Amino acid sequence: MLEKVRKLLAMAEDPACTPAEAEAFTAKATELIARYGVDRALLAARDPATDSVGDRVVELLAPYALDKAGLLAAVAGALRCRAVRRRSESGFAMHLFGFASDLERVELLFTSLLVQAAHGLAATAVPVGDQPAAFRRSWLAGFAYAVAERLRTAESEAAARPGTSTGGTSVALVLADRSSEVQRRMAEVYPRLRTASARRLAGGGAGHGAEAGRRADLGGTGVRAGTTGELPGRPG
């Protein structure tokens, strides 16, 4: 199914593809990746050996390392993973926790979204009077918010689709149990974890970023530890 997602997104990203065709391909890819997550969860409910809880660390480098961390956390949260941000020698790192199939989905999406965000920022002029770094940070925050909303909607629709069954156990309960198991794993590694204070962003780019997030292709070719994407500007 993930190979189908990659092929759909490759067609959507083809310059010869019309906007209507690209939107159709992207919508189908989003639907498939959400269905993949639910199907793997249901399979694991019957055979736990097929999908186990794990973790991995992704390094996030400047520029805009903290904003990249926000995007990664938004994607991870929407796909039933948890993320812990920590400082590293190279900038920031995100420690991700989740079932293997969900971590795979997060990795599939994140690199593509970083590239799309870089293109979107490059194509968006900073309004006169706005400070460029502040505008770009707020743009990225809006982008992450819109992407997470789309992913959560797709996840809910996939879980509620007709014919989805676990042999007597509700899908909602299966997914809730998986979320609890991920939370326990994270608590074992970070027993005294504190919630970070919300960031205050002064730029006026949130609306522009959210619109780009609503258009973004929700797919890609994967991310490896140390992969950061290139965003314009200097800030970390």
C-alpha atoms as a PDB file:
ATOM      1  CA  MET A   1       0.000   0.000   0.000  1.00  0.00           C
ATOM      2  CA  LEU A   2       2.849   2.399   0.757  1.00  0.00           C
ATOM      3  CA  GLU A   3       4.256   1.717  -2.706  1.00  0.00           C
ATOM      4  CA  LYS A   4       0.885   2.756  -4.143  1.00  0.00           C
ATOM      5  CA  VAL A   5       1.118   5.953  -2.089  1.00  0.00           C
ATOM      6  CA  ARG A   6       4.553   6.728  -3.514  1.00  0.00           C
ATOM      7  CA  LYS A   7       3.331   6.189  -7.078  1.00  0.00           C
ATOM      8  CA  LEU A   8       0.265   8.386  -6.562  1.00  0.00           C
ATOM      9  CA  LEU A   9       2.383  11.184  -5.152  1.00  0.00           C
ATOM     10  CA  ALA A  10       4.887  10.886  -7.977  1.00  0.00           C
ATOM     11  CA  MET A  11       2.000  11.445 -10.413  1.00  0.00           C
ATOM     12  CA  ALA A  12       0.681  14.343  -8.350  1.00  0.00           C
ATOM     13  CA  GLU A  13       4.109  16.014  -8.387  1.00  0.00           C
ATOM     14  CA  ASP A  14       4.525  15.640 -12.174  1.00  0.00           C
ATOM     15  CA  PRO A  15       4.666  19.132 -13.768  1.00  0.00           C
ATOM     16  CA  ALA A  16       2.396  17.866 -16.555  1.00  0.00           C
ATOM     17  CA  CYS A  17      -0.336  17.005 -14.057  1.00  0.00           C
ATOM     18  CA  THR A  18      -3.266  19.446 -13.889  1.00  0.00           C
ATOM     19  CA  PRO A  19      -4.222  20.932 -10.480  1.00  0.00           C
ATOM     20  CA  ALA A  20      -7.431  18.874 -10.451  1.00  0.00           C
ATOM     21  CA  GLU A  21      -5.543  15.660 -11.210  1.00  0.00           C
ATOM     22  CA  ALA A  22      -2.896  16.452  -8.598  1.00  0.00           C
ATOM     23  CA  GLU A  23      -5.582  17.070  -5.974  1.00  0.00           C
ATOM     24  CA  ALA A  24      -7.259  13.747  -6.801  1.00  0.00           C
ATOM     25  CA  PHE A  25      -3.980  11.831  -6.607  1.00  0.00           C
ATOM     26  CA  THR A  26      -3.087  13.497  -3.320  1.00  0.00           C
ATOM     27  CA  ALA A  27      -6.497  12.812  -1.770  1.00  0.00           C
ATOM     28  CA  LYS A  28      -6.232   9.137  -2.669  1.00  0.00           C
ATOM     29  CA  ALA A  29      -2.669   8.919  -1.298  1.00  0.00           C
ATOM     30  CA  THR A  30      -3.785  10.484   1.994  1.00  0.00           C
ATOM     31  CA  GLU A  31      -6.659   8.018   2.245  1.00  0.00           C
ATOM     32  CA  LEU A  32      -4.379   5.048   1.582  1.00  0.00           C
ATOM     33  CA  ILE A  33      -1.734   5.983   4.125  1.00  0.00           C
ATOM     34  CA  ALA A  34      -4.420   6.392   6.790  1.00  0.00           C
ATOM     35  CA  ARG A  35      -5.963   3.030   5.870  1.00  0.00           C
ATOM     36  CA  TYR A  36      -2.516   1.458   6.036  1.00  0.00           C
ATOM     37  CA  GLY A  37      -2.094   2.651   9.613  1.00  0.00           C
ATOM     38  CA  VAL A  38      -5.464   1.279  10.710  1.00  0.00           C
ATOM     39  CA  ASP A  39      -4.986  -2.025   8.874  1.00  0.00           C
ATOM     40  CA  ARG A  40      -1.588  -2.581  10.514  1.00  0.00           C
ATOM     41  CA  ALA A  41      -3.117  -1.798  13.918  1.00  0.00           C
ATOM     42  CA  LEU A  42      -5.895  -4.354  13.380  1.00  0.00           C
ATOM     43  CA  LEU A  43      -3.424  -6.971  12.189  1.00  0.00           C
ATOM     44  CA  ALA A  44      -1.292  -6.401  15.292  1.00  0.00           C
ATOM     45  CA  ALA A  45      -4.362  -6.795  17.500  1.00  0.00           C
ATOM     46  CA  ARG A  46      -4.598 -10.364  16.192  1.00  0.00           C
ATOM     47  CA  ASP A  47      -0.839 -10.999  15.985  1.00  0.00           C
ATOM     48  CA  PRO A  48       1.247  -8.606  18.148  1.00  0.00           C
ATOM     49  CA  ALA A  49       4.492  -9.871  16.606  1.00  0.00           C
ATOM     50  CA  THR A  50       3.650  -8.069  13.349  1.00  0.00           C
ATOM     51  CA  ASP A  51       3.995  -4.582  14.828  1.00  0.00           C
ATOM     52  CA  SER A  52       5.901  -3.670  17.988  1.00  0.00           C
ATOM     53  CA  VAL A  53       6.521  -0.433  19.856  1.00  0.00           C
ATOM     54  CA  GLY A  54       9.861   1.188  19.139  1.00  0.00           C
ATOM     55  CA  ASP A  55      11.635   4.512  19.028  1.00  0.00           C
ATOM     56  CA  ARG A  56      14.109   6.450  16.927  1.00  0.00           C
ATOM     57  CA  VAL A  57      15.906   9.778  16.995  1.00  0.00           C
ATOM     58  CA  VAL A  58      15.821  12.325  14.162  1.00  0.00           C
ATOM     59  CA  GLU A  59      18.395  15.138  14.142  1.00  0.00           C
ATOM     60  CA  LEU A  60      17.106  18.555  13.063  1.00  0.00           C
ATOM     61  CA  LEU A  61      19.674  21.076  11.895  1.00  0.00           C
ATOM     62  CA  ALA A  62      19.565  24.824  11.291  1.00  0.00           C
ATOM     63  CA  PRO A  63      18.082  26.824   9.705  1.00  0.00           C
ATOM     64  CA  TYR A  64      14.745  26.794  11.553  1.00  0.00           C
ATOM     65  CA  ALA A  65      15.553  23.624  13.499  1.00  0.00           C
ATOM     66  CA  LEU A  66      12.950  24.379  16.160  1.00  0.00           C
ATOM     67  CA  ASP A  67      10.285  24.930  13.512  1.00  0.00           C
ATOM     68  CA  LYS A  68      11.195  21.669  11.805  1.00  0.00           C
ATOM     69  CA  ALA A  69      10.783  20.017  15.192  1.00  0.00           C
ATOM     70  CA  GLY A  70       7.297  21.503  15.404  1.00  0.00           C
ATOM     71  CA  LEU A  71       6.368  20.064  12.012  1.00  0.00           C
ATOM     72  CA  LEU A  72       7.723  16.637  12.935  1.00  0.00           C
ATOM     73  CA  ALA A  73       5.852  16.674  16.251  1.00  0.00           C
ATOM     74  CA  ALA A  74       2.623  17.644  14.459  1.00  0.00           C
ATOM     75  CA  VAL A  75       2.919  14.773  11.984  1.00  0.00           C
ATOM     76  CA  ALA A  76       3.918  12.286  14.692  1.00  0.00           C
ATOM     77  CA  GLY A  77       1.033  13.248  16.952  1.00  0.00           C
ATOM     78  CA  ALA A  78      -1.526  12.953  14.165  1.00  0.00           C
ATOM     79  CA  LEU A  79      -0.250   9.463  13.316  1.00  0.00           C
ATOM     80  CA  ARG A  80      -0.429   8.161  16.896  1.00  0.00           C
ATOM     81  CA  CYS A  81       3.244   8.588  17.769  1.00  0.00           C
ATOM     82  CA  ARG A  82       4.798  10.683  20.516  1.00  0.00           C
ATOM     83  CA  ALA A  83       7.754  13.024  20.181  1.00  0.00           C
ATOM     84  CA  VAL A  84      10.184  14.419  22.736  1.00  0.00           C
ATOM     85  CA  ARG A  85      12.294  17.380  21.705  1.00  0.00           C
ATOM     86  CA  ARG A  86      15.768  17.627  23.116  1.00  0.00           C
ATOM     87  CA  ARG A  87      18.884  19.614  22.420  1.00  0.00           C
ATOM     88  CA  SER A  88      21.787  18.018  20.615  1.00  0.00           C
ATOM     89  CA  GLU A  89      25.255  19.082  19.537  1.00  0.00           C
ATOM     90  CA  SER A  90      23.975  19.806  16.041  1.00  0.00           C
ATOM     91  CA  GLY A  91      20.856  21.742  17.094  1.00  0.00           C
ATOM     92  CA  PHE A  92      17.712  19.881  18.102  1.00  0.00           C
ATOM     93  CA  ALA A  93      16.738  16.239  18.007  1.00  0.00           C
ATOM     94  CA  MET A  94      13.319  14.612  18.191  1.00  0.00           C
ATOM     95  CA  HIS A  95      13.017  11.290  19.992  1.00  0.00           C
ATOM     96  CA  LEU A  96      10.027   9.536  18.418  1.00  0.00           C
ATOM     97  CA  PHE A  97       8.036   6.744  20.049  1.00  0.00           C
ATOM     98  CA  GLY A  98       5.440   4.611  18.300  1.00  0.00           C
ATOM     99  CA  PHE A  99       4.574   1.333  16.712  1.00  0.00           C
ATOM    100  CA  ALA A 100       6.867   0.401  13.841  1.00  0.00           C
ATOM    101  CA  SER A 101       4.186   0.893  11.186  1.00  0.00           C
ATOM    102  CA  ASP A 102       3.284   4.347  12.506  1.00  0.00           C
ATOM    103  CA  LEU A 103       6.917   5.430  12.735  1.00  0.00           C
ATOM    104  CA  GLU A 104       7.258   4.275   9.144  1.00  0.00           C
ATOM    105  CA  ARG A 105       4.342   6.498   8.148  1.00  0.00           C
ATOM    106  CA  VAL A 106       5.800   9.487   9.992  1.00  0.00           C
ATOM    107  CA  GLU A 107       9.111   9.010   8.215  1.00  0.00           C
ATOM    108  CA  LEU A 108       7.370   8.652   4.871  1.00  0.00           C
ATOM    109  CA  LEU A 109       5.664  12.007   5.277  1.00  0.00           C
ATOM    110  CA  PHE A 110       8.199  14.190   7.030  1.00  0.00           C
ATOM    111  CA  THR A 111      10.880  14.545   4.369  1.00  0.00           C
ATOM    112  CA  SER A 112       8.341  15.317   1.676  1.00  0.00           C
ATOM    113  CA  LEU A 113       6.712  17.962   3.846  1.00  0.00           C
ATOM    114  CA  LEU A 114      10.058  19.583   4.580  1.00  0.00           C
ATOM    115  CA  VAL A 115      10.760  19.870   0.864  1.00  0.00           C
ATOM    116  CA  GLN A 116       7.283  21.230   0.180  1.00  0.00           C
ATOM    117  CA  ALA A 117       7.643  23.737   2.996  1.00  0.00           C
ATOM    118  CA  ALA A 118      10.960  24.918   1.579  1.00  0.00           C
ATOM    119  CA  HIS A 119       9.381  25.403  -1.850  1.00  0.00           C
ATOM    120  CA  GLY A 120       6.384  27.160  -0.351  1.00  0.00           C
ATOM    121  CA  LEU A 121       8.508  29.558   1.661  1.00  0.00           C
ATOM    122  CA  ALA A 122      10.704  30.327  -1.329  1.00  0.00           C
ATOM    123  CA  ALA A 123       7.616  31.177  -3.392  1.00  0.00           C
ATOM    124  CA  THR A 124       6.035  33.383  -0.700  1.00  0.00           C
ATOM    125  CA  ALA A 125       7.136  37.001  -0.544  1.00  0.00           C
ATOM    126  CA  VAL A 126       7.568  38.449   2.930  1.00  0.00           C
ATOM    127  CA  PRO A 127       5.065  41.343   3.234  1.00  0.00           C
ATOM    128  CA  VAL A 128       6.479  44.831   3.556  1.00  0.00           C
ATOM    129  CA  GLY A 129       6.956  45.629   7.225  1.00  0.00           C
ATOM    130  CA  ASP A 130       7.261  42.014   8.384  1.00  0.00           C
ATOM    131  CA  GLN A 131      10.533  40.701   9.750  1.00  0.00           C
ATOM    132  CA  PRO A 132      11.534  37.793   7.451  1.00  0.00           C
ATOM    133  CA  ALA A 133      12.515  35.295  10.155  1.00  0.00           C
ATOM    134  CA  ALA A 134       9.350  35.972  12.191  1.00  0.00           C
ATOM    135  CA  PHE A 135       7.170  35.690   9.090  1.00  0.00           C
ATOM    136  CA  ARG A 136       8.754  32.368   8.110  1.00  0.00           C
ATOM    137  CA  ARG A 137       8.420  30.922  11.590  1.00  0.00           C
ATOM    138  CA  SER A 138       4.727  31.769  11.712  1.00  0.00           C
ATOM    139  CA  TRP A 139       4.332  30.428   8.152  1.00  0.00           C
ATOM    140  CA  LEU A 140       5.837  27.097   9.219  1.00  0.00           C
ATOM    141  CA  ALA A 141       3.593  26.975  12.297  1.00  0.00           C
ATOM    142  CA  GLY A 142       0.522  27.486  10.112  1.00  0.00           C
ATOM    143  CA  PHE A 143       1.751  24.859   7.668  1.00  0.00           C
ATOM    144  CA  ALA A 144       2.254  22.292  10.454  1.00  0.00           C
ATOM    145  CA  TYR A 145      -1.173  23.020  11.942  1.00  0.00           C
ATOM    146  CA  ALA A 146      -2.997  22.552   8.630  1.00  0.00           C
ATOM    147  CA  VAL A 147      -1.127  19.351   7.788  1.00  0.00           C
ATOM    148  CA  ALA A 148      -1.901  17.859  11.216  1.00  0.00           C
ATOM    149  CA  GLU A 149      -5.605  18.693  10.834  1.00  0.00           C
ATOM    150  CA  ARG A 150      -5.722  16.929   7.467  1.00  0.00           C
ATOM    151  CA  LEU A 151      -3.955  13.874   8.836  1.00  0.00           C
ATOM    152  CA  ARG A 152      -6.236  13.620  11.874  1.00  0.00           C
ATOM    153  CA  THR A 153      -9.296  13.808   9.615  1.00  0.00           C
ATOM    154  CA  ALA A 154      -7.939  11.068   7.362  1.00  0.00           C
ATOM    155  CA  GLU A 155      -7.125   8.890  10.375  1.00  0.00           C
ATOM    156  CA  SER A 156     -10.660   9.261  11.768  1.00  0.00           C
ATOM    157  CA  GLU A 157     -12.244   8.453   8.429  1.00  0.00           C
ATOM    158  CA  ALA A 158     -10.037   5.390   7.960  1.00  0.00           C
ATOM    159  CA  ALA A 159     -10.964   4.044  11.396  1.00  0.00           C
ATOM    160  CA  ALA A 160     -14.677   4.556  10.717  1.00  0.00           C
ATOM    161  CA  ARG A 161     -14.809   3.132   7.206  1.00  0.00           C
ATOM    162  CA  PRO A 162     -17.360   0.355   6.570  1.00  0.00           C
ATOM    163  CA  GLY A 163     -16.037  -3.179   6.780  1.00  0.00           C
ATOM    164  CA  THR A 164     -13.296  -2.367   9.304  1.00  0.00           C
ATOM    165  CA  SER A 165     -13.393  -5.090  11.944  1.00  0.00           C
ATOM    166  CA  THR A 166     -11.239  -6.601  14.665  1.00  0.00           C
ATOM    167  CA  GLY A 167     -13.361  -9.670  15.349  1.00  0.00           C
ATOM    168  CA  GLY A 168     -15.402  -8.160  18.169  1.00  0.00           C
ATOM    169  CA  THR A 169     -13.102  -5.466  19.593  1.00  0.00           C
ATOM    170  CA  SER A 170     -13.854  -1.920  18.527  1.00  0.00           C
ATOM    171  CA  VAL A 171     -11.337  -0.145  16.316  1.00  0.00           C
ATOM    172  CA  ALA A 172     -11.370   2.820  18.692  1.00  0.00           C
ATOM    173  CA  LEU A 173     -10.365   0.570  21.585  1.00  0.00           C
ATOM    174  CA  VAL A 174      -7.542  -1.025  19.580  1.00  0.00           C
ATOM    175  CA  LEU A 175      -6.158   2.397  18.649  1.00  0.00           C
ATOM    176  CA  ALA A 176      -6.563   3.691  22.211  1.00  0.00           C
ATOM    177  CA  ASP A 177      -4.679   0.676  23.580  1.00  0.00           C
ATOM    178  CA  ARG A 178      -1.861   1.297  21.109  1.00  0.00           C
ATOM    179  CA  SER A 179      -1.664   4.966  22.125  1.00  0.00           C
ATOM    180  CA  SER A 180      -1.480   3.955  25.785  1.00  0.00           C
ATOM    181  CA  GLU A 181       1.326   1.510  25.057  1.00  0.00           C
ATOM    182  CA  VAL A 182       3.287   4.207  23.223  1.00  0.00           C
ATOM    183  CA  GLN A 183       2.758   6.569  26.153  1.00  0.00           C
ATOM    184  CA  ARG A 184       4.050   3.936  28.587  1.00  0.00           C
ATOM    185  CA  ARG A 185       7.147   3.367  26.486  1.00  0.00           C
ATOM    186  CA  MET A 186       7.898   7.078  26.403  1.00  0.00           C
ATOM    187  CA  ALA A 187       7.353   7.369  30.173  1.00  0.00           C
ATOM    188  CA  GLU A 188       9.847   4.566  30.762  1.00  0.00           C
ATOM    189  CA  VAL A 189      12.527   6.524  28.909  1.00  0.00           C
ATOM    190  CA  TYR A 190      11.496   9.971  30.174  1.00  0.00           C
ATOM    191  CA  PRO A 191       9.882   9.466  33.614  1.00  0.00           C
ATOM    192  CA  ARG A 192      10.165  13.155  34.537  1.00  0.00           C
ATOM    193  CA  LEU A 193       9.209  14.701  31.226  1.00  0.00           C
ATOM    194  CA  ARG A 194       7.977  18.288  31.317  1.00  0.00           C
ATOM    195  CA  THR A 195       5.690  19.976  28.815  1.00  0.00           C
ATOM    196  CA  ALA A 196       7.388  22.826  26.980  1.00  0.00           C
ATOM    197  CA  SER A 197       5.850  26.281  27.111  1.00  0.00           C
ATOM    198  CA  ALA A 198       3.921  27.334  24.032  1.00  0.00           C
ATOM    199  CA  ARG A 199       5.914  29.484  21.613  1.00  0.00           C
ATOM    200  CA  ARG A 200       4.785  33.013  20.843  1.00  0.00           C
ATOM    201  CA  LEU A 201       5.207  33.850  17.178  1.00  0.00           C
ATOM    202  CA  ALA A 202       4.972  37.444  16.053  1.00  0.00           C
ATOM    203  CA  GLY A 203       5.096  37.026  12.278  1.00  0.00           C
ATOM    204  CA  GLY A 204       2.110  37.312   9.963  1.00  0.00           C
ATOM    205  CA  GLY A 205       2.730  34.207   7.888  1.00  0.00           C
ATOM    206  CA  ALA A 206       0.456  31.703   9.659  1.00  0.00           C
ATOM    207  CA  GLY A 207      -2.408  32.092   7.187  1.00  0.00           C
ATOM    208  CA  HIS A 208      -0.111  31.691   4.193  1.00  0.00           C
ATOM    209  CA  GLY A 209       1.498  28.629   5.761  1.00  0.00           C
ATOM    210  CA  ALA A 210      -1.848  27.050   6.636  1.00  0.00           C
ATOM    211  CA  GLU A 211      -3.038  27.470   3.055  1.00  0.00           C
ATOM    212  CA  ALA A 212       0.133  25.775   1.819  1.00  0.00           C
ATOM    213  CA  GLY A 213      -0.388  22.995   4.346  1.00  0.00           C
ATOM    214  CA  ARG A 214      -3.893  22.405   3.043  1.00  0.00           C
ATOM    215  CA  ARG A 215      -2.449  21.956  -0.459  1.00  0.00           C
ATOM    216  CA  ALA A 216       0.564  19.857   0.557  1.00  0.00           C
ATOM    217  CA  ASP A 217       1.076  16.356  -0.804  1.00  0.00           C
ATOM    218  CA  LEU A 218       1.015  14.093   2.246  1.00  0.00           C
ATOM    219  CA  GLY A 219       3.725  11.664   1.207  1.00  0.00           C
ATOM    220  CA  GLY A 220       7.368  11.241   0.228  1.00  0.00           C
ATOM    221  CA  THR A 221      10.274   8.814   0.127  1.00  0.00           C
ATOM    222  CA  GLY A 222      11.325   8.614   3.785  1.00  0.00           C
ATOM    223  CA  VAL A 223      13.592  10.377   6.256  1.00  0.00           C
ATOM    224  CA  ARG A 224      16.779   9.200   7.879  1.00  0.00           C
ATOM    225  CA  ALA A 225      18.338  10.355  11.092  1.00  0.00           C
ATOM    226  CA  GLY A 226      20.154  13.580  10.307  1.00  0.00           C
ATOM    227  CA  THR A 227      17.872  14.542   7.400  1.00  0.00           C
ATOM    228  CA  THR A 228      16.635  18.091   7.858  1.00  0.00           C
ATOM    229  CA  GLY A 229      15.575  19.643   4.565  1.00  0.00           C
ATOM    230  CA  GLU A 230      16.692  23.091   3.496  1.00  0.00           C
ATOM    231  CA  LEU A 231      14.577  26.086   4.456  1.00  0.00           C
ATOM    232  CA  PRO A 232      15.474  29.641   3.506  1.00  0.00           C
ATOM    233  CA  GLY A 233      17.050  31.978   6.002  1.00  0.00           C
ATOM    234  CA  ARG A 234      19.561  31.822   8.825  1.00  0.00           C
ATOM    235  CA  PRO A 235      17.756  31.227  12.141  1.00  0.00           C
ATOM    236  CA  GLY A 236      18.137  27.918  13.983  1.00  0.00           C
END
